[in-house]
PDB file of N, CA and C in Angstrom:
ATOM      1  N   MET A   1      34.715  32.993 -13.443  1.00  0.00           N
ATOM      2  CA  MET A   1      35.423  34.148 -13.952  1.00  0.00           C
ATOM      3  C   MET A   1      34.831  34.540 -15.355  1.00  0.00           C
ATOM      4  N   THR A   2      33.748  35.145 -15.379  1.00  0.00           N
ATOM      5  CA  THR A   2      33.067  35.553 -16.556  1.00  0.00           C
ATOM      6  C   THR A   2      33.544  37.022 -16.757  1.00  0.00           C
ATOM      7  N   GLU A   3      33.853  37.314 -18.048  1.00  0.00           N
ATOM      8  CA  GLU A   3      34.209  38.668 -18.387  1.00  0.00           C
ATOM      9  C   GLU A   3      33.129  39.346 -19.276  1.00  0.00           C
ATOM     10  N   GLU A   4      32.820  40.544 -18.993  1.00  0.00           N
ATOM     11  CA  GLU A   4      31.819  41.229 -19.741  1.00  0.00           C
ATOM     12  C   GLU A   4      32.507  41.748 -21.029  1.00  0.00           C
ATOM     13  N   LYS A   5      31.821  41.661 -22.108  1.00  0.00           N
ATOM     14  CA  LYS A   5      32.323  42.099 -23.426  1.00  0.00           C
ATOM     15  C   LYS A   5      32.081  43.601 -23.514  1.00  0.00           C
ATOM     16  N   VAL A   6      33.188  44.340 -23.672  1.00  0.00           N
ATOM     17  CA  VAL A   6      33.162  45.727 -23.629  1.00  0.00           C
ATOM     18  C   VAL A   6      33.289  46.203 -25.048  1.00  0.00           C
ATOM     19  N   SER A   7      32.253  47.019 -25.512  1.00  0.00           N
ATOM     20  CA  SER A   7      32.205  47.499 -26.898  1.00  0.00           C
ATOM     21  C   SER A   7      33.128  48.607 -27.060  1.00  0.00           C
ATOM     22  N   ARG A   8      34.061  48.507 -28.015  1.00  0.00           N
ATOM     23  CA  ARG A   8      35.039  49.567 -28.375  1.00  0.00           C
ATOM     24  C   ARG A   8      34.544  50.411 -29.607  1.00  0.00           C
ATOM     25  N   LYS A   9      33.337  50.248 -29.969  1.00  0.00           N
ATOM     26  CA  LYS A   9      32.805  51.028 -31.013  1.00  0.00           C
ATOM     27  C   LYS A   9      32.441  52.491 -30.598  1.00  0.00           C
ATOM     28  N   ARG A  10      32.891  53.457 -31.445  1.00  0.00           N
ATOM     29  CA  ARG A  10      32.652  54.771 -31.168  1.00  0.00           C
ATOM     30  C   ARG A  10      31.220  55.239 -31.358  1.00  0.00           C
ATOM     31  N   THR A  11      30.660  55.855 -30.419  1.00  0.00           N
ATOM     32  CA  THR A  11      29.236  56.346 -30.622  1.00  0.00           C
ATOM     33  C   THR A  11      29.319  57.925 -30.673  1.00  0.00           C
ATOM     34  N   LEU A  12      28.438  58.402 -31.568  1.00  0.00           N
ATOM     35  CA  LEU A  12      28.436  59.917 -31.818  1.00  0.00           C
ATOM     36  C   LEU A  12      26.963  60.391 -31.800  1.00  0.00           C
ATOM     37  N   ILE A  13      26.730  61.611 -31.414  1.00  0.00           N
ATOM     38  CA  ILE A  13      25.425  62.243 -31.382  1.00  0.00           C
ATOM     39  C   ILE A  13      25.444  63.362 -32.348  1.00  0.00           C
ATOM     40  N   GLY A  14      24.473  63.373 -33.117  1.00  0.00           N
ATOM     41  CA  GLY A  14      24.289  64.385 -34.207  1.00  0.00           C
ATOM     42  C   GLY A  14      22.907  64.683 -34.668  1.00  0.00           C
ATOM     43  N   LYS A  15      22.781  65.473 -35.688  1.00  0.00           N
ATOM     44  CA  LYS A  15      21.429  65.953 -36.121  1.00  0.00           C
ATOM     45  C   LYS A  15      21.368  65.423 -37.587  1.00  0.00           C
ATOM     46  N   VAL A  16      20.127  64.867 -37.893  1.00  0.00           N
ATOM     47  CA  VAL A  16      19.794  64.400 -39.281  1.00  0.00           C
ATOM     48  C   VAL A  16      19.682  65.625 -40.202  1.00  0.00           C
ATOM     49  N   VAL A  17      20.500  65.610 -41.254  1.00  0.00           N
ATOM     50  CA  VAL A  17      20.340  66.824 -42.212  1.00  0.00           C
ATOM     51  C   VAL A  17      19.881  66.324 -43.551  1.00  0.00           C
ATOM     52  N   SER A  18      19.703  65.095 -43.776  1.00  0.00           N
ATOM     53  CA  SER A  18      19.149  64.612 -45.039  1.00  0.00           C
ATOM     54  C   SER A  18      18.595  63.181 -44.821  1.00  0.00           C
ATOM     55  N   ASP A  19      17.330  63.038 -45.353  1.00  0.00           N
ATOM     56  CA  ASP A  19      16.727  61.688 -45.310  1.00  0.00           C
ATOM     57  C   ASP A  19      16.135  61.320 -46.660  1.00  0.00           C
ATOM     58  N   LYS A  20      16.772  61.827 -47.750  1.00  0.00           N
ATOM     59  CA  LYS A  20      16.232  61.697 -49.035  1.00  0.00           C
ATOM     60  C   LYS A  20      16.510  60.318 -49.733  1.00  0.00           C
ATOM     61  N   ARG A  21      17.567  59.551 -49.183  1.00  0.00           N
ATOM     62  CA  ARG A  21      17.888  58.399 -49.768  1.00  0.00           C
ATOM     63  C   ARG A  21      17.160  57.202 -49.093  1.00  0.00           C
ATOM     64  N   ALA A  22      16.937  56.076 -49.738  1.00  0.00           N
ATOM     65  CA  ALA A  22      16.245  55.006 -49.182  1.00  0.00           C
ATOM     66  C   ALA A  22      17.149  54.255 -48.185  1.00  0.00           C
ATOM     67  N   LYS A  23      16.646  54.106 -46.994  1.00  0.00           N
ATOM     68  CA  LYS A  23      17.273  53.323 -45.909  1.00  0.00           C
ATOM     69  C   LYS A  23      18.521  54.010 -45.393  1.00  0.00           C
ATOM     70  N   THR A  24      18.769  55.312 -45.693  1.00  0.00           N
ATOM     71  CA  THR A  24      20.028  56.011 -45.304  1.00  0.00           C
ATOM     72  C   THR A  24      19.690  57.378 -44.925  1.00  0.00           C
ATOM     73  N   VAL A  25      20.227  57.899 -43.774  1.00  0.00           N
ATOM     74  CA  VAL A  25      20.202  59.262 -43.370  1.00  0.00           C
ATOM     75  C   VAL A  25      21.636  59.876 -43.220  1.00  0.00           C
ATOM     76  N   THR A  26      21.660  61.155 -43.561  1.00  0.00           N
ATOM     77  CA  THR A  26      22.928  61.801 -43.376  1.00  0.00           C
ATOM     78  C   THR A  26      22.963  62.557 -42.055  1.00  0.00           C
ATOM     79  N   VAL A  27      23.942  62.302 -41.154  1.00  0.00           N
ATOM     80  CA  VAL A  27      24.004  62.889 -39.913  1.00  0.00           C
ATOM     81  C   VAL A  27      25.166  63.869 -39.787  1.00  0.00           C
ATOM     82  N   LEU A  28      24.887  65.051 -39.274  1.00  0.00           N
ATOM     83  CA  LEU A  28      25.930  66.041 -39.037  1.00  0.00           C
ATOM     84  C   LEU A  28      26.384  66.045 -37.639  1.00  0.00           C
ATOM     85  N   ILE A  29      27.708  65.862 -37.417  1.00  0.00           N
ATOM     86  CA  ILE A  29      28.248  65.722 -36.114  1.00  0.00           C
ATOM     87  C   ILE A  29      29.118  67.057 -35.986  1.00  0.00           C
ATOM     88  N   GLU A  30      28.756  67.866 -34.945  1.00  0.00           N
ATOM     89  CA  GLU A  30      29.551  69.123 -34.653  1.00  0.00           C
ATOM     90  C   GLU A  30      30.298  68.931 -33.408  1.00  0.00           C
ATOM     91  N   ARG A  31      31.545  69.430 -33.406  1.00  0.00           N
ATOM     92  CA  ARG A  31      32.373  69.387 -32.144  1.00  0.00           C
ATOM     93  C   ARG A  31      33.195  70.675 -32.073  1.00  0.00           C
ATOM     94  N   ARG A  32      33.625  70.975 -30.945  1.00  0.00           N
ATOM     95  CA  ARG A  32      34.535  72.192 -30.724  1.00  0.00           C
ATOM     96  C   ARG A  32      35.825  71.717 -30.221  1.00  0.00           C
ATOM     97  N   VAL A  33      36.903  72.105 -30.959  1.00  0.00           N
ATOM     98  CA  VAL A  33      38.270  71.793 -30.562  1.00  0.00           C
ATOM     99  C   VAL A  33      39.094  72.971 -30.473  1.00  0.00           C
ATOM    100  N   LYS A  34      40.203  72.864 -29.680  1.00  0.00           N
ATOM    101  CA  LYS A  34      41.163  73.877 -29.542  1.00  0.00           C
ATOM    102  C   LYS A  34      42.120  73.908 -30.756  1.00  0.00           C
ATOM    103  N   HIS A  35      42.349  75.118 -31.283  1.00  0.00           N
ATOM    104  CA  HIS A  35      43.395  75.192 -32.485  1.00  0.00           C
ATOM    105  C   HIS A  35      44.725  74.911 -31.856  1.00  0.00           C
ATOM    106  N   ASP A  36      45.508  74.097 -32.654  1.00  0.00           N
ATOM    107  CA  ASP A  36      46.830  73.803 -32.132  1.00  0.00           C
ATOM    108  C   ASP A  36      47.849  74.905 -32.000  1.00  0.00           C
ATOM    109  N   LEU A  37      47.815  75.858 -32.892  1.00  0.00           N
ATOM    110  CA  LEU A  37      48.774  76.956 -32.834  1.00  0.00           C
ATOM    111  C   LEU A  37      48.279  78.193 -32.032  1.00  0.00           C
ATOM    112  N   TYR A  38      47.084  78.600 -32.362  1.00  0.00           N
ATOM    113  CA  TYR A  38      46.555  79.749 -31.753  1.00  0.00           C
ATOM    114  C   TYR A  38      45.760  79.630 -30.469  1.00  0.00           C
ATOM    115  N   GLY A  39      45.302  78.400 -30.227  1.00  0.00           N
ATOM    116  CA  GLY A  39      44.596  78.163 -28.967  1.00  0.00           C
ATOM    117  C   GLY A  39      43.222  78.555 -28.897  1.00  0.00           C
ATOM    118  N   LYS A  40      42.639  79.089 -29.980  1.00  0.00           N
ATOM    119  CA  LYS A  40      41.234  79.531 -30.007  1.00  0.00           C
ATOM    120  C   LYS A  40      40.374  78.311 -30.187  1.00  0.00           C
ATOM    121  N   ILE A  41      39.204  78.261 -29.635  1.00  0.00           N
ATOM    122  CA  ILE A  41      38.213  77.262 -29.802  1.00  0.00           C
ATOM    123  C   ILE A  41      37.506  77.418 -31.122  1.00  0.00           C
ATOM    124  N   VAL A  42      37.574  76.418 -32.016  1.00  0.00           N
ATOM    125  CA  VAL A  42      36.991  76.463 -33.392  1.00  0.00           C
ATOM    126  C   VAL A  42      36.008  75.305 -33.471  1.00  0.00           C
ATOM    127  N   GLY A  43      34.878  75.578 -34.260  1.00  0.00           N
ATOM    128  CA  GLY A  43      33.974  74.546 -34.534  1.00  0.00           C
ATOM    129  C   GLY A  43      34.271  73.754 -35.767  1.00  0.00           C
ATOM    130  N   LYS A  44      34.197  72.325 -35.620  1.00  0.00           N
ATOM    131  CA  LYS A  44      34.449  71.518 -36.750  1.00  0.00           C
ATOM    132  C   LYS A  44      33.217  70.620 -36.916  1.00  0.00           C
ATOM    133  N   SER A  45      33.012  70.191 -38.107  1.00  0.00           N
ATOM    134  CA  SER A  45      31.845  69.265 -38.293  1.00  0.00           C
ATOM    135  C   SER A  45      32.205  68.199 -39.326  1.00  0.00           C
ATOM    136  N   SER A  46      31.509  67.080 -39.227  1.00  0.00           N
ATOM    137  CA  SER A  46      31.695  65.919 -40.079  1.00  0.00           C
ATOM    138  C   SER A  46      30.327  65.361 -40.390  1.00  0.00           C
ATOM    139  N   LYS A  47      30.186  64.954 -41.641  1.00  0.00           N
ATOM    140  CA  LYS A  47      28.846  64.202 -42.045  1.00  0.00           C
ATOM    141  C   LYS A  47      29.103  62.668 -42.133  1.00  0.00           C
ATOM    142  N   TYR A  48      28.190  62.002 -41.610  1.00  0.00           N
ATOM    143  CA  TYR A  48      28.245  60.516 -41.651  1.00  0.00           C
ATOM    144  C   TYR A  48      26.907  59.989 -42.280  1.00  0.00           C
ATOM    145  N   HIS A  49      27.035  58.918 -43.005  1.00  0.00           N
ATOM    146  CA  HIS A  49      25.811  58.253 -43.574  1.00  0.00           C
ATOM    147  C   HIS A  49      25.492  57.000 -42.553  1.00  0.00           C
ATOM    148  N   ALA A  50      24.326  56.980 -42.193  1.00  0.00           N
ATOM    149  CA  ALA A  50      23.891  55.905 -41.241  1.00  0.00           C
ATOM    150  C   ALA A  50      22.689  55.123 -41.808  1.00  0.00           C
ATOM    151  N   HIS A  51      22.665  53.864 -41.476  1.00  0.00           N
ATOM    152  CA  HIS A  51      21.517  52.982 -41.955  1.00  0.00           C
ATOM    153  C   HIS A  51      20.306  53.194 -41.162  1.00  0.00           C
ATOM    154  N   ASP A  52      19.174  53.394 -41.894  1.00  0.00           N
ATOM    155  CA  ASP A  52      17.922  53.534 -41.243  1.00  0.00           C
ATOM    156  C   ASP A  52      16.973  52.664 -41.925  1.00  0.00           C
ATOM    157  N   GLU A  53      16.820  51.383 -41.407  1.00  0.00           N
ATOM    158  CA  GLU A  53      16.110  50.307 -42.156  1.00  0.00           C
ATOM    159  C   GLU A  53      14.610  50.652 -42.432  1.00  0.00           C
ATOM    160  N   ASN A  54      13.953  51.319 -41.462  1.00  0.00           N
ATOM    161  CA  ASN A  54      12.511  51.530 -41.540  1.00  0.00           C
ATOM    162  C   ASN A  54      12.244  52.934 -42.042  1.00  0.00           C
ATOM    163  N   GLY A  55      13.213  53.839 -42.150  1.00  0.00           N
ATOM    164  CA  GLY A  55      12.926  55.151 -42.680  1.00  0.00           C
ATOM    165  C   GLY A  55      12.178  56.013 -41.649  1.00  0.00           C
ATOM    166  N   GLU A  56      12.356  55.735 -40.342  1.00  0.00           N
ATOM    167  CA  GLU A  56      11.571  56.428 -39.316  1.00  0.00           C
ATOM    168  C   GLU A  56      12.187  57.738 -38.844  1.00  0.00           C
ATOM    169  N   TYR A  57      13.444  58.073 -39.160  1.00  0.00           N
ATOM    170  CA  TYR A  57      14.066  59.323 -38.741  1.00  0.00           C
ATOM    171  C   TYR A  57      14.006  60.377 -39.763  1.00  0.00           C
ATOM    172  N   LYS A  58      13.592  61.595 -39.471  1.00  0.00           N
ATOM    173  CA  LYS A  58      13.422  62.700 -40.446  1.00  0.00           C
ATOM    174  C   LYS A  58      14.424  63.774 -40.155  1.00  0.00           C
ATOM    175  N   MET A  59      14.384  64.787 -41.044  1.00  0.00           N
ATOM    176  CA  MET A  59      15.338  65.850 -40.918  1.00  0.00           C
ATOM    177  C   MET A  59      14.996  66.607 -39.507  1.00  0.00           C
ATOM    178  N   GLY A  60      16.033  66.998 -38.866  1.00  0.00           N
ATOM    179  CA  GLY A  60      15.931  67.655 -37.606  1.00  0.00           C
ATOM    180  C   GLY A  60      15.998  66.902 -36.363  1.00  0.00           C
ATOM    181  N   ASP A  61      15.914  65.467 -36.526  1.00  0.00           N
ATOM    182  CA  ASP A  61      16.018  64.580 -35.356  1.00  0.00           C
ATOM    183  C   ASP A  61      17.412  64.624 -34.770  1.00  0.00           C
ATOM    184  N   THR A  62      17.577  64.540 -33.475  1.00  0.00           N
ATOM    185  CA  THR A  62      18.940  64.374 -32.867  1.00  0.00           C
ATOM    186  C   THR A  62      18.993  62.911 -32.545  1.00  0.00           C
ATOM    187  N   ILE A  63      20.005  62.274 -33.091  1.00  0.00           N
ATOM    188  CA  ILE A  63      20.168  60.833 -32.946  1.00  0.00           C
ATOM    189  C   ILE A  63      21.560  60.476 -32.512  1.00  0.00           C
ATOM    190  N   GLU A  64      21.780  59.196 -32.068  1.00  0.00           N
ATOM    191  CA  GLU A  64      23.036  58.636 -31.712  1.00  0.00           C
ATOM    192  C   GLU A  64      23.232  57.526 -32.754  1.00  0.00           C
ATOM    193  N   ILE A  65      24.605  57.459 -33.284  1.00  0.00           N
ATOM    194  CA  ILE A  65      24.990  56.488 -34.180  1.00  0.00           C
ATOM    195  C   ILE A  65      26.209  55.774 -33.669  1.00  0.00           C
ATOM    196  N   THR A  66      26.380  54.596 -34.126  1.00  0.00           N
ATOM    197  CA  THR A  66      27.540  53.887 -33.752  1.00  0.00           C
ATOM    198  C   THR A  66      28.131  53.100 -34.888  1.00  0.00           C
ATOM    199  N   GLU A  67      29.443  52.801 -34.731  1.00  0.00           N
ATOM    200  CA  GLU A  67      30.126  52.087 -35.782  1.00  0.00           C
ATOM    201  C   GLU A  67      29.569  50.691 -35.970  1.00  0.00           C
ATOM    202  N   SER A  68      29.554  50.142 -37.185  1.00  0.00           N
ATOM    203  CA  SER A  68      29.147  48.800 -37.422  1.00  0.00           C
ATOM    204  C   SER A  68      29.852  48.295 -38.716  1.00  0.00           C
ATOM    205  N   ARG A  69      29.493  47.084 -39.135  1.00  0.00           N
ATOM    206  CA  ARG A  69      30.064  46.486 -40.275  1.00  0.00           C
ATOM    207  C   ARG A  69      29.578  47.267 -41.429  1.00  0.00           C
ATOM    208  N   PRO A  70      30.188  47.067 -42.635  1.00  0.00           N
ATOM    209  CA  PRO A  70      29.739  47.859 -43.821  1.00  0.00           C
ATOM    210  C   PRO A  70      28.381  47.267 -44.228  1.00  0.00           C
ATOM    211  N   ILE A  71      27.334  48.195 -44.382  1.00  0.00           N
ATOM    212  CA  ILE A  71      26.009  47.762 -44.741  1.00  0.00           C
ATOM    213  C   ILE A  71      25.855  48.016 -46.211  1.00  0.00           C
ATOM    214  N   SER A  72      26.440  49.024 -46.744  1.00  0.00           N
ATOM    215  CA  SER A  72      26.415  49.395 -48.121  1.00  0.00           C
ATOM    216  C   SER A  72      27.743  50.036 -48.430  1.00  0.00           C
ATOM    217  N   ASN A  73      27.881  50.727 -49.641  1.00  0.00           N
ATOM    218  CA  ASN A  73      29.067  51.334 -49.989  1.00  0.00           C
ATOM    219  C   ASN A  73      29.437  52.523 -49.038  1.00  0.00           C
ATOM    220  N   LEU A  74      28.511  53.210 -48.662  1.00  0.00           N
ATOM    221  CA  LEU A  74      28.706  54.513 -47.647  1.00  0.00           C
ATOM    222  C   LEU A  74      28.254  54.196 -46.225  1.00  0.00           C
ATOM    223  N   ASP A  75      27.321  53.222 -46.046  1.00  0.00           N
ATOM    224  CA  ASP A  75      26.783  53.062 -44.683  1.00  0.00           C
ATOM    225  C   ASP A  75      27.633  52.195 -43.941  1.00  0.00           C
ATOM    226  N   TRP A  76      28.398  52.807 -42.913  1.00  0.00           N
ATOM    227  CA  TRP A  76      29.288  52.067 -41.928  1.00  0.00           C
ATOM    228  C   TRP A  76      28.805  52.241 -40.588  1.00  0.00           C
ATOM    229  N   ARG A  77      27.657  52.905 -40.367  1.00  0.00           N
ATOM    230  CA  ARG A  77      27.143  53.243 -39.148  1.00  0.00           C
ATOM    231  C   ARG A  77      25.733  52.855 -38.981  1.00  0.00           C
ATOM    232  N   ARG A  78      25.333  52.469 -37.609  1.00  0.00           N
ATOM    233  CA  ARG A  78      23.886  52.194 -37.416  1.00  0.00           C
ATOM    234  C   ARG A  78      23.334  53.101 -36.390  1.00  0.00           C
ATOM    235  N   LEU A  79      22.090  53.331 -36.382  1.00  0.00           N
ATOM    236  CA  LEU A  79      21.335  54.259 -35.544  1.00  0.00           C
ATOM    237  C   LEU A  79      21.128  53.524 -34.197  1.00  0.00           C
ATOM    238  N   LEU A  80      21.308  54.148 -33.079  1.00  0.00           N
ATOM    239  CA  LEU A  80      21.067  53.596 -31.740  1.00  0.00           C
ATOM    240  C   LEU A  80      19.813  54.122 -31.180  1.00  0.00           C
ATOM    241  N   ALA A  81      19.722  55.446 -31.041  1.00  0.00           N
ATOM    242  CA  ALA A  81      18.588  56.022 -30.372  1.00  0.00           C
ATOM    243  C   ALA A  81      18.305  57.392 -30.868  1.00  0.00           C
ATOM    244  N   VAL A  82      17.062  57.843 -30.715  1.00  0.00           N
ATOM    245  CA  VAL A  82      16.635  59.242 -31.028  1.00  0.00           C
ATOM    246  C   VAL A  82      16.520  60.006 -29.694  1.00  0.00           C
ATOM    247  N   PHE A  83      17.180  61.223 -29.728  1.00  0.00           N
ATOM    248  CA  PHE A  83      17.089  61.999 -28.417  1.00  0.00           C
ATOM    249  C   PHE A  83      16.065  63.070 -28.462  1.00  0.00           C
ATOM    250  N   ALA A  84      15.952  63.628 -29.588  1.00  0.00           N
ATOM    251  CA  ALA A  84      14.873  64.796 -29.657  1.00  0.00           C
ATOM    252  C   ALA A  84      14.166  64.805 -31.016  1.00  0.00           C
ATOM    253  N   ASP A  85      12.982  64.719 -31.034  1.00  0.00           N
ATOM    254  CA  ASP A  85      12.211  64.731 -32.263  1.00  0.00           C
ATOM    255  C   ASP A  85      12.151  66.168 -32.869  1.00  0.00           C
ATOM    256  N   ARG A  86      11.851  66.196 -34.075  1.00  0.00           N
ATOM    257  CA  ARG A  86      11.774  67.439 -34.820  1.00  0.00           C
ATOM    258  C   ARG A  86      10.596  68.213 -34.594  1.00  0.00           C
ATOM    259  N   CYS A  87      10.541  69.431 -34.708  1.00  0.00           N
ATOM    260  CA  CYS A  87       9.335  70.238 -34.390  1.00  0.00           C
ATOM    261  C   CYS A  87       8.825  70.675 -35.741  1.00  0.00           C
ATOM    262  N   ARG A  88       7.846  70.004 -36.269  1.00  0.00           N
ATOM    263  CA  ARG A  88       7.219  70.219 -37.577  1.00  0.00           C
ATOM    264  C   ARG A  88       5.967  70.922 -37.434  1.00  0.00           C
ATOM    265  N   ARG A  89       5.818  71.988 -38.324  1.00  0.00           N
ATOM    266  CA  ARG A  89       4.507  72.816 -38.238  1.00  0.00           C
ATOM    267  C   ARG A  89       3.341  71.942 -38.900  1.00  0.00           C
ATOM    268  N   SER A  90       3.611  70.866 -39.655  1.00  0.00           N
ATOM    269  CA  SER A  90       2.451  70.107 -40.201  1.00  0.00           C
ATOM    270  C   SER A  90       1.956  69.257 -39.197  1.00  0.00           C
ATOM    271  N   ASP A  91       2.553  69.050 -38.045  1.00  0.00           N
ATOM    272  CA  ASP A  91       1.887  68.207 -37.015  1.00  0.00           C
ATOM    273  C   ASP A  91       0.750  68.825 -36.290  1.00  0.00           C
ATOM    274  N   VAL A  92       0.671  70.132 -36.321  1.00  0.00           N
ATOM    275  CA  VAL A  92      -0.309  70.979 -35.601  1.00  0.00           C
ATOM    276  C   VAL A  92      -1.506  71.234 -36.629  1.00  0.00           C
ATOM    277  N   ALA A  93      -2.659  71.001 -36.092  1.00  0.00           N
ATOM    278  CA  ALA A  93      -3.883  71.190 -36.955  1.00  0.00           C
ATOM    279  C   ALA A  93      -4.081  72.656 -37.104  1.00  0.00           C
ATOM    280  N   PRO A  94      -4.390  73.094 -38.343  1.00  0.00           N
ATOM    281  CA  PRO A  94      -4.827  74.526 -38.556  1.00  0.00           C
ATOM    282  C   PRO A  94      -5.744  75.154 -37.521  1.00  0.00           C
ATOM    283  N   SER A  95      -6.763  74.300 -37.190  1.00  0.00           N
ATOM    284  CA  SER A  95      -7.749  74.850 -36.265  1.00  0.00           C
ATOM    285  C   SER A  95      -7.237  75.075 -34.852  1.00  0.00           C
ATOM    286  N   ALA A  96      -6.119  74.420 -34.486  1.00  0.00           N
ATOM    287  CA  ALA A  96      -5.528  74.548 -33.123  1.00  0.00           C
ATOM    288  C   ALA A  96      -4.734  75.862 -33.110  1.00  0.00           C
ATOM    289  N   ILE A  97      -4.304  76.378 -34.206  1.00  0.00           N
ATOM    290  CA  ILE A  97      -3.511  77.588 -34.131  1.00  0.00           C
ATOM    291  C   ILE A  97      -4.398  78.860 -34.068  1.00  0.00           C
ATOM    292  N   ALA A  98      -5.539  78.832 -34.614  1.00  0.00           N
ATOM    293  CA  ALA A  98      -6.413  79.985 -34.565  1.00  0.00           C
ATOM    294  C   ALA A  98      -7.111  80.148 -33.245  1.00  0.00           C
TER     295      ALA A  98
END
Protein backbone atom coordinates (compact mmCIF):
# COMPACT_ATOMS: atom_id res chain seq x y z
CA MET A 1 0.00 0.00 0.00
CA THR A 2 2.24 2.73 -1.26
CA GLU A 3 0.80 6.18 -1.60
CA GLU A 4 1.99 8.71 -4.12
CA LYS A 5 2.92 12.05 -2.70
CA VAL A 6 0.64 14.67 -4.22
CA SER A 7 2.06 18.16 -4.52
CA ARG A 8 -0.31 20.81 -3.22
CA LYS A 9 1.86 23.67 -4.40
CA ARG A 10 0.19 26.11 -6.75
CA THR A 11 1.74 26.52 -10.20
CA LEU A 12 1.24 29.63 -12.32
CA ILE A 13 2.09 30.52 -15.92
CA GLY A 14 3.20 34.03 -16.73
CA LYS A 15 5.52 36.30 -18.66
CA VAL A 16 8.91 37.60 -17.49
CA VAL A 17 8.71 41.40 -17.28
CA SER A 18 12.04 42.10 -15.56
CA ASP A 19 15.36 40.27 -15.30
CA LYS A 20 17.52 43.09 -13.93
CA ARG A 21 18.18 41.61 -10.50
CA ALA A 22 20.74 38.93 -9.81
CA LYS A 23 19.21 35.43 -9.68
CA THR A 24 15.66 36.82 -9.66
CA VAL A 25 13.07 37.46 -12.36
CA THR A 26 9.75 39.27 -12.05
CA VAL A 27 6.83 37.36 -13.55
CA LEU A 28 3.50 38.93 -14.53
CA ILE A 29 0.50 36.63 -14.08
CA GLU A 30 -2.67 37.76 -15.87
CA ARG A 31 -6.08 36.24 -15.26
CA ARG A 32 -9.68 37.03 -16.15
CA VAL A 33 -12.35 36.94 -13.46
CA LYS A 34 -16.03 37.76 -13.29
CA HIS A 35 -16.92 40.89 -11.33
CA ASP A 36 -18.95 40.03 -8.23
CA LEU A 37 -21.61 42.74 -8.56
CA TYR A 38 -21.80 43.55 -12.25
CA GLY A 39 -20.93 40.19 -13.80
CA LYS A 40 -18.55 41.67 -16.36
CA ILE A 41 -15.32 39.83 -17.13
CA VAL A 42 -12.38 41.96 -15.99
CA GLY A 43 -8.64 41.40 -16.27
CA LYS A 44 -6.52 41.18 -13.13
CA SER A 45 -2.78 40.83 -12.87
CA SER A 46 -0.20 40.04 -10.21
CA LYS A 47 3.58 40.23 -10.17
CA TYR A 48 5.67 37.56 -8.47
CA HIS A 49 9.41 37.33 -7.89
CA ALA A 50 10.88 33.96 -8.83
CA HIS A 51 14.34 32.51 -8.25
CA ASP A 52 16.46 32.06 -11.40
CA GLU A 53 19.76 30.53 -10.27
CA ASN A 54 21.55 30.61 -13.63
CA GLY A 55 20.03 33.80 -15.04
CA GLU A 56 18.87 31.99 -18.16
CA TYR A 57 15.39 33.53 -18.49
CA LYS A 58 15.04 36.91 -20.18
CA MET A 59 12.27 39.44 -20.70
CA GLY A 60 9.42 38.12 -22.82
CA ASP A 61 9.81 34.44 -21.88
CA THR A 62 6.62 32.62 -20.91
CA ILE A 63 7.44 30.46 -17.90
CA GLU A 64 5.81 28.30 -15.24
CA ILE A 65 6.53 29.01 -11.57
CA THR A 66 5.62 27.10 -8.43
CA GLU A 67 5.56 27.83 -4.71
CA SER A 68 8.64 26.89 -2.70
CA ARG A 69 10.39 27.61 0.54
CA PRO A 70 11.68 31.18 1.08
CA ILE A 71 14.89 31.58 -0.91
CA SER A 72 15.39 35.27 -0.14
CA ASN A 73 13.32 38.13 1.23
CA LEU A 74 11.07 38.31 -1.86
CA ASP A 75 11.73 35.02 -3.67
CA TRP A 76 9.13 32.47 -2.59
CA ARG A 77 8.75 30.78 -5.96
CA ARG A 78 10.87 28.59 -8.23
CA LEU A 79 10.90 28.31 -12.00
CA LEU A 80 9.70 25.01 -13.44
CA ALA A 81 9.70 25.29 -17.23
CA VAL A 82 9.87 27.71 -20.11
CA PHE A 83 7.00 27.55 -22.60
CA ALA A 84 7.86 30.14 -25.26
CA ASP A 85 11.14 31.89 -25.88
CA ARG A 86 11.34 35.57 -26.60
CA CYS A 87 11.61 36.84 -30.14
CA ARG A 88 14.62 39.14 -30.15
CA ARG A 89 15.82 41.08 -33.16
CA SER A 90 19.47 40.73 -32.07
CA ASP A 91 19.30 36.96 -32.71
CA VAL A 92 19.00 37.55 -36.46
CA ALA A 93 22.15 38.45 -38.36
CA PRO A 94 21.94 41.73 -40.31
CA SER A 95 22.96 39.96 -43.52
CA ALA A 96 20.00 37.56 -43.19
CA ILE A 97 17.51 40.45 -43.23
CA ALA A 98 18.77 42.06 -46.48
